[in-house]
Amino acid sequence: MNIINTIDNLILQFDSHTLADLSNALLMNRVDTKYLIPVDNIYGLLNDIKDICTVLDIEGRRISKYQNLYFDTNELQYFSAHHNGALNRYKVRYRTYLEQCSSYLEVKFKNNKSRTIKKRIALTKSDDTRELATKHHPFLASCGVSQAQELVAVQECNYSRIAFASEFTGERLTVDFNIAYID
C-alpha cells in the first residue's frame, strides 16, 4: 500500500468538519509556524492529534489539491524579503482550490509582530492567471501593495493538503505533500 492510501485510511478515522463549521480557526489573521518533517513521521503525528482535531471534509474528500501562482517584481523583492526573514512583507498569489473550482487573488502580509494577515477576492473564469489584471490593482493597493503594475508571475506551486482543526484551541494544522514547483 502506498503512502497516500495509508494516509487516506488514517484520516478516515478522524471526525470531520466542513468549512462552515469553523469559527475559531478561520486563519485570515494568524501566527504561522512551519515544519518540514520526514514522511515516516506523519503516522505518529496523525495518531497524536486524532483525539483533539477534526479533518476538513468537502463532499467526501479529505485531501484537497491546490494550485498557486505567485507574483513578484522582476527583482524578486518579495522573495528576497521572505528569504531574509524581513517582517512587514507581502506575498501576492492566485490560489485555486481544484475540487471547489474556485480561485482567489490573495495578499498575505506578515507584520512585525509575526502575524500573517490574509485578504482575498474571488476571481472569475475570465481573469488572466498569468498577469494581474488592471482591475485588481485597486484591491492590491487597498492591501498595501504599492507596485501592483510591476508584478509578474514568477512561480507556480502545486500540492495536496489535509487540513485539521481544533475548535477548542482555535488552531489549525495543515499537512502538505506532493509538492511541485514550476518556474
C-alpha atoms as a PDB file:
ATOM      1  CA  MET A   1       0.000   0.000   0.000  1.00  0.00           C
ATOM      2  CA  ASN A   2       1.474   3.393  -0.913  1.00  0.00           C
ATOM      3  CA  ILE A   3       1.769   6.301   1.495  1.00  0.00           C
ATOM      4  CA  ILE A   4      -1.196   8.235   0.039  1.00  0.00           C
ATOM      5  CA  ASN A   5      -3.528   5.255   0.522  1.00  0.00           C
ATOM      6  CA  THR A   6      -2.189   4.740   4.049  1.00  0.00           C
ATOM      7  CA  ILE A   7      -2.718   8.415   4.956  1.00  0.00           C
ATOM      8  CA  ASP A   8      -6.167   8.350   3.346  1.00  0.00           C
ATOM      9  CA  ASN A   9      -7.119   5.367   5.529  1.00  0.00           C
ATOM     10  CA  LEU A  10      -5.742   7.050   8.671  1.00  0.00           C
ATOM     11  CA  ILE A  11      -7.678  10.284   8.152  1.00  0.00           C
ATOM     12  CA  LEU A  12     -10.902   8.342   7.709  1.00  0.00           C
ATOM     13  CA  GLN A  13     -10.595   7.603  11.449  1.00  0.00           C
ATOM     14  CA  PHE A  14     -10.923  11.325  12.272  1.00  0.00           C
ATOM     15  CA  ASP A  15     -14.151  13.125  12.986  1.00  0.00           C
ATOM     16  CA  SER A  16     -14.717  15.691  10.262  1.00  0.00           C
ATOM     17  CA  HIS A  17     -15.696  19.325   9.873  1.00  0.00           C
ATOM     18  CA  THR A  18     -16.751  21.471   6.942  1.00  0.00           C
ATOM     19  CA  LEU A  19     -15.599  24.999   6.117  1.00  0.00           C
ATOM     20  CA  ALA A  20     -18.856  26.314   7.580  1.00  0.00           C
ATOM     21  CA  ASP A  21     -18.108  24.609  10.914  1.00  0.00           C
ATOM     22  CA  LEU A  22     -15.009  26.694  11.606  1.00  0.00           C
ATOM     23  CA  SER A  23     -15.472  29.713  13.793  1.00  0.00           C
ATOM     24  CA  ASN A  24     -12.336  29.867  15.956  1.00  0.00           C
ATOM     25  CA  ALA A  25      -9.819  28.784  13.312  1.00  0.00           C
ATOM     26  CA  LEU A  26     -10.544  30.851  10.206  1.00  0.00           C
ATOM     27  CA  LEU A  27      -6.873  31.791   9.649  1.00  0.00           C
ATOM     28  CA  MET A  28      -7.314  35.159   7.985  1.00  0.00           C
ATOM     29  CA  ASN A  29      -5.270  36.677  10.846  1.00  0.00           C
ATOM     30  CA  ARG A  30      -2.860  34.197  12.398  1.00  0.00           C
ATOM     31  CA  VAL A  31       0.605  33.246  13.579  1.00  0.00           C
ATOM     32  CA  ASP A  32       2.236  30.659  11.304  1.00  0.00           C
ATOM     33  CA  THR A  33       4.813  28.078  12.238  1.00  0.00           C
ATOM     34  CA  LYS A  34       6.060  25.772   9.504  1.00  0.00           C
ATOM     35  CA  TYR A  35       7.911  22.479   9.841  1.00  0.00           C
ATOM     36  CA  LEU A  36       9.457  20.095   7.360  1.00  0.00           C
ATOM     37  CA  ILE A  37       9.095  16.546   8.656  1.00  0.00           C
ATOM     38  CA  PRO A  38      10.185  13.179   7.289  1.00  0.00           C
ATOM     39  CA  VAL A  39       7.292  11.372   5.677  1.00  0.00           C
ATOM     40  CA  ASP A  40       7.668   8.435   8.092  1.00  0.00           C
ATOM     41  CA  ASN A  41       6.784  10.779  10.991  1.00  0.00           C
ATOM     42  CA  ILE A  42       3.328  11.527   9.574  1.00  0.00           C
ATOM     43  CA  TYR A  43       1.838   8.340  11.020  1.00  0.00           C
ATOM     44  CA  GLY A  44       2.794   9.257  14.597  1.00  0.00           C
ATOM     45  CA  LEU A  45       1.622  12.849  14.088  1.00  0.00           C
ATOM     46  CA  LEU A  46      -1.793  11.739  12.845  1.00  0.00           C
ATOM     47  CA  ASN A  47      -2.137   9.322  15.728  1.00  0.00           C
ATOM     48  CA  ASP A  48      -1.200  12.044  18.261  1.00  0.00           C
ATOM     49  CA  ILE A  49      -3.830  14.522  17.029  1.00  0.00           C
ATOM     50  CA  LYS A  50      -6.673  12.086  16.329  1.00  0.00           C
ATOM     51  CA  ASP A  51      -8.483  12.824  19.602  1.00  0.00           C
ATOM     52  CA  ILE A  52      -8.060  16.619  19.563  1.00  0.00           C
ATOM     53  CA  CYS A  53      -8.530  17.559  15.901  1.00  0.00           C
ATOM     54  CA  THR A  54     -11.073  17.085  13.188  1.00  0.00           C
ATOM     55  CA  VAL A  55     -10.274  16.887   9.489  1.00  0.00           C
ATOM     56  CA  LEU A  56     -11.779  19.062   6.771  1.00  0.00           C
ATOM     57  CA  ASP A  57     -14.181  17.091   4.621  1.00  0.00           C
ATOM     58  CA  ILE A  58     -15.526  18.614   1.430  1.00  0.00           C
ATOM     59  CA  GLU A  59     -18.119  16.427  -0.258  1.00  0.00           C
ATOM     60  CA  GLY A  60     -16.422  13.261   0.981  1.00  0.00           C
ATOM     61  CA  ARG A  61     -12.881  14.392   0.129  1.00  0.00           C
ATOM     62  CA  ARG A  62     -10.354  14.871   2.905  1.00  0.00           C
ATOM     63  CA  ILE A  63      -7.360  15.565   0.693  1.00  0.00           C
ATOM     64  CA  SER A  64      -7.577  18.757  -1.389  1.00  0.00           C
ATOM     65  CA  LYS A  65      -5.465  19.904  -4.325  1.00  0.00           C
ATOM     66  CA  TYR A  66      -4.164  23.466  -4.524  1.00  0.00           C
ATOM     67  CA  GLN A  67      -2.615  25.463  -7.352  1.00  0.00           C
ATOM     68  CA  ASN A  68      -0.775  28.670  -6.504  1.00  0.00           C
ATOM     69  CA  LEU A  69       0.702  31.209  -8.898  1.00  0.00           C
ATOM     70  CA  TYR A  70       2.986  33.673  -7.108  1.00  0.00           C
ATOM     71  CA  PHE A  71       3.703  37.211  -8.272  1.00  0.00           C
ATOM     72  CA  ASP A  72       6.769  39.314  -7.555  1.00  0.00           C
ATOM     73  CA  THR A  73       8.785  42.142  -9.067  1.00  0.00           C
ATOM     74  CA  ASN A  74      11.416  41.378 -11.705  1.00  0.00           C
ATOM     75  CA  GLU A  75      13.996  41.892  -8.933  1.00  0.00           C
ATOM     76  CA  LEU A  76      12.182  39.294  -6.739  1.00  0.00           C
ATOM     77  CA  GLN A  77      11.616  41.833  -3.990  1.00  0.00           C
ATOM     78  CA  TYR A  78       9.017  39.719  -2.147  1.00  0.00           C
ATOM     79  CA  PHE A  79      11.034  36.503  -2.349  1.00  0.00           C
ATOM     80  CA  SER A  80      14.141  38.290  -1.060  1.00  0.00           C
ATOM     81  CA  ALA A  81      12.211  39.761   1.868  1.00  0.00           C
ATOM     82  CA  HIS A  82      10.822  36.315   2.730  1.00  0.00           C
ATOM     83  CA  HIS A  83      14.187  34.579   2.339  1.00  0.00           C
ATOM     84  CA  ASN A  84      15.888  37.187   4.543  1.00  0.00           C
ATOM     85  CA  GLY A  85      13.214  36.906   7.263  1.00  0.00           C
ATOM     86  CA  ALA A  86      12.082  40.502   6.863  1.00  0.00           C
ATOM     87  CA  LEU A  87       8.918  41.440   8.681  1.00  0.00           C
ATOM     88  CA  ASN A  88       6.266  43.724   7.186  1.00  0.00           C
ATOM     89  CA  ARG A  89       6.483  41.786   3.920  1.00  0.00           C
ATOM     90  CA  TYR A  90       3.981  40.668   1.288  1.00  0.00           C
ATOM     91  CA  LYS A  91       3.098  37.634  -0.800  1.00  0.00           C
ATOM     92  CA  VAL A  92       0.760  38.012  -3.756  1.00  0.00           C
ATOM     93  CA  ARG A  93      -0.752  34.946  -5.379  1.00  0.00           C
ATOM     94  CA  TYR A  94      -3.602  33.443  -7.290  1.00  0.00           C
ATOM     95  CA  ARG A  95      -4.838  30.371  -5.436  1.00  0.00           C
ATOM     96  CA  THR A  96      -7.111  27.779  -6.992  1.00  0.00           C
ATOM     97  CA  TYR A  97      -8.923  25.170  -4.943  1.00  0.00           C
ATOM     98  CA  LEU A  98      -9.296  22.491  -7.607  1.00  0.00           C
ATOM     99  CA  GLU A  99     -12.089  20.453  -6.028  1.00  0.00           C
ATOM    100  CA  GLN A 100     -14.208  23.534  -5.345  1.00  0.00           C
ATOM    101  CA  CYS A 101     -13.423  25.059  -8.764  1.00  0.00           C
ATOM    102  CA  SER A 102     -12.811  28.406  -7.059  1.00  0.00           C
ATOM    103  CA  SER A 103      -9.932  30.851  -7.381  1.00  0.00           C
ATOM    104  CA  TYR A 104      -8.839  33.906  -5.410  1.00  0.00           C
ATOM    105  CA  LEU A 105      -6.344  36.699  -5.619  1.00  0.00           C
ATOM    106  CA  GLU A 106      -4.720  36.705  -2.196  1.00  0.00           C
ATOM    107  CA  VAL A 107      -2.392  39.095  -0.417  1.00  0.00           C
ATOM    108  CA  LYS A 108      -0.586  37.831   2.659  1.00  0.00           C
ATOM    109  CA  PHE A 109       1.073  40.409   4.872  1.00  0.00           C
ATOM    110  CA  LYS A 110       3.499  39.268   7.583  1.00  0.00           C
ATOM    111  CA  ASN A 111       3.778  42.086  10.114  1.00  0.00           C
ATOM    112  CA  ASN A 112       6.484  42.940  12.619  1.00  0.00           C
ATOM    113  CA  LYS A 113       4.608  41.010  15.315  1.00  0.00           C
ATOM    114  CA  SER A 114       4.953  37.796  13.255  1.00  0.00           C
ATOM    115  CA  ARG A 115       1.227  37.766  12.439  1.00  0.00           C
ATOM    116  CA  THR A 116       0.070  36.800   8.968  1.00  0.00           C
ATOM    117  CA  ILE A 117      -2.925  38.774   7.724  1.00  0.00           C
ATOM    118  CA  LYS A 118      -4.573  37.439   4.579  1.00  0.00           C
ATOM    119  CA  LYS A 119      -7.024  39.283   2.365  1.00  0.00           C
ATOM    120  CA  ARG A 120      -8.554  37.918  -0.809  1.00  0.00           C
ATOM    121  CA  ILE A 121     -11.057  38.466  -3.561  1.00  0.00           C
ATOM    122  CA  ALA A 122     -12.765  35.861  -5.704  1.00  0.00           C
ATOM    123  CA  LEU A 123     -11.667  35.572  -9.309  1.00  0.00           C
ATOM    124  CA  THR A 124     -13.801  34.849 -12.325  1.00  0.00           C
ATOM    125  CA  LYS A 125     -13.060  32.417 -15.136  1.00  0.00           C
ATOM    126  CA  SER A 126     -12.255  35.398 -17.388  1.00  0.00           C
ATOM    127  CA  ASP A 127      -9.365  36.574 -15.157  1.00  0.00           C
ATOM    128  CA  ASP A 128      -5.968  36.076 -16.780  1.00  0.00           C
ATOM    129  CA  THR A 129      -3.944  33.876 -14.441  1.00  0.00           C
ATOM    130  CA  ARG A 130      -0.523  34.800 -15.840  1.00  0.00           C
ATOM    131  CA  GLU A 131      -0.764  38.506 -15.130  1.00  0.00           C
ATOM    132  CA  LEU A 132      -2.510  40.744 -12.661  1.00  0.00           C
ATOM    133  CA  ALA A 133      -5.310  42.463 -14.486  1.00  0.00           C
ATOM    134  CA  THR A 134      -5.549  46.217 -14.088  1.00  0.00           C
ATOM    135  CA  LYS A 135      -8.943  45.721 -12.454  1.00  0.00           C
ATOM    136  CA  HIS A 136      -7.159  44.069  -9.476  1.00  0.00           C
ATOM    137  CA  HIS A 137      -4.772  46.966  -8.822  1.00  0.00           C
ATOM    138  CA  PRO A 138      -7.253  48.813  -6.528  1.00  0.00           C
ATOM    139  CA  PHE A 139      -7.614  45.676  -4.382  1.00  0.00           C
ATOM    140  CA  LEU A 140      -3.840  45.270  -4.178  1.00  0.00           C
ATOM    141  CA  ALA A 141      -3.403  48.935  -3.265  1.00  0.00           C
ATOM    142  CA  SER A 142      -6.029  48.578  -0.509  1.00  0.00           C
ATOM    143  CA  CYS A 143      -3.874  45.754   0.931  1.00  0.00           C
ATOM    144  CA  GLY A 144      -0.735  47.914   0.908  1.00  0.00           C
ATOM    145  CA  VAL A 145       0.814  46.563  -2.301  1.00  0.00           C
ATOM    146  CA  SER A 146       2.089  49.749  -3.909  1.00  0.00           C
ATOM    147  CA  GLN A 147       3.802  48.363  -7.014  1.00  0.00           C
ATOM    148  CA  ALA A 148       0.965  46.243  -8.468  1.00  0.00           C
ATOM    149  CA  GLN A 149       1.749  47.299 -12.030  1.00  0.00           C
ATOM    150  CA  GLU A 150       5.291  45.869 -11.645  1.00  0.00           C
ATOM    151  CA  LEU A 151       4.244  42.387 -10.517  1.00  0.00           C
ATOM    152  CA  VAL A 152       4.770  39.431 -12.829  1.00  0.00           C
ATOM    153  CA  ALA A 153       4.096  35.721 -12.439  1.00  0.00           C
ATOM    154  CA  VAL A 154       7.297  34.138 -11.124  1.00  0.00           C
ATOM    155  CA  GLN A 155       6.488  30.692  -9.755  1.00  0.00           C
ATOM    156  CA  GLU A 156       3.763  28.093  -9.624  1.00  0.00           C
ATOM    157  CA  CYS A 157       3.487  25.791  -6.626  1.00  0.00           C
ATOM    158  CA  ASN A 158       1.003  22.922  -6.573  1.00  0.00           C
ATOM    159  CA  TYR A 159       0.360  20.443  -3.767  1.00  0.00           C
ATOM    160  CA  SER A 160      -2.113  18.278  -1.917  1.00  0.00           C
ATOM    161  CA  ARG A 161      -3.267  19.301   1.553  1.00  0.00           C
ATOM    162  CA  ILE A 162      -5.012  17.767   4.539  1.00  0.00           C
ATOM    163  CA  ALA A 163      -6.474  20.415   6.860  1.00  0.00           C
ATOM    164  CA  PHE A 164      -7.062  19.683  10.529  1.00  0.00           C
ATOM    165  CA  ALA A 165      -8.677  21.988  13.093  1.00  0.00           C
ATOM    166  CA  SER A 166      -9.256  22.175  16.791  1.00  0.00           C
ATOM    167  CA  GLU A 167     -12.201  24.405  17.572  1.00  0.00           C
ATOM    168  CA  PHE A 168     -11.337  24.090  21.264  1.00  0.00           C
ATOM    169  CA  THR A 169      -7.906  25.715  20.854  1.00  0.00           C
ATOM    170  CA  GLY A 170      -8.703  27.722  17.703  1.00  0.00           C
ATOM    171  CA  GLU A 171      -5.739  26.161  15.928  1.00  0.00           C
ATOM    172  CA  ARG A 172      -5.341  24.590  12.531  1.00  0.00           C
ATOM    173  CA  LEU A 173      -2.736  22.221  11.223  1.00  0.00           C
ATOM    174  CA  THR A 174      -2.193  21.571   7.560  1.00  0.00           C
ATOM    175  CA  VAL A 175      -0.154  18.754   6.083  1.00  0.00           C
ATOM    176  CA  ASP A 176       1.085  19.456   2.565  1.00  0.00           C
ATOM    177  CA  PHE A 177       2.592  16.812   0.283  1.00  0.00           C
ATOM    178  CA  ASN A 178       3.119  16.020  -3.407  1.00  0.00           C
ATOM    179  CA  ILE A 179       4.648  19.475  -3.684  1.00  0.00           C
ATOM    180  CA  ALA A 180       5.664  20.545  -7.189  1.00  0.00           C
ATOM    181  CA  TYR A 181       7.260  23.837  -8.238  1.00  0.00           C
ATOM    182  CA  ILE A 182       7.245  25.260 -11.730  1.00  0.00           C
ATOM    183  CA  ASP A 183       9.456  28.247 -12.547  1.00  0.00           C
END
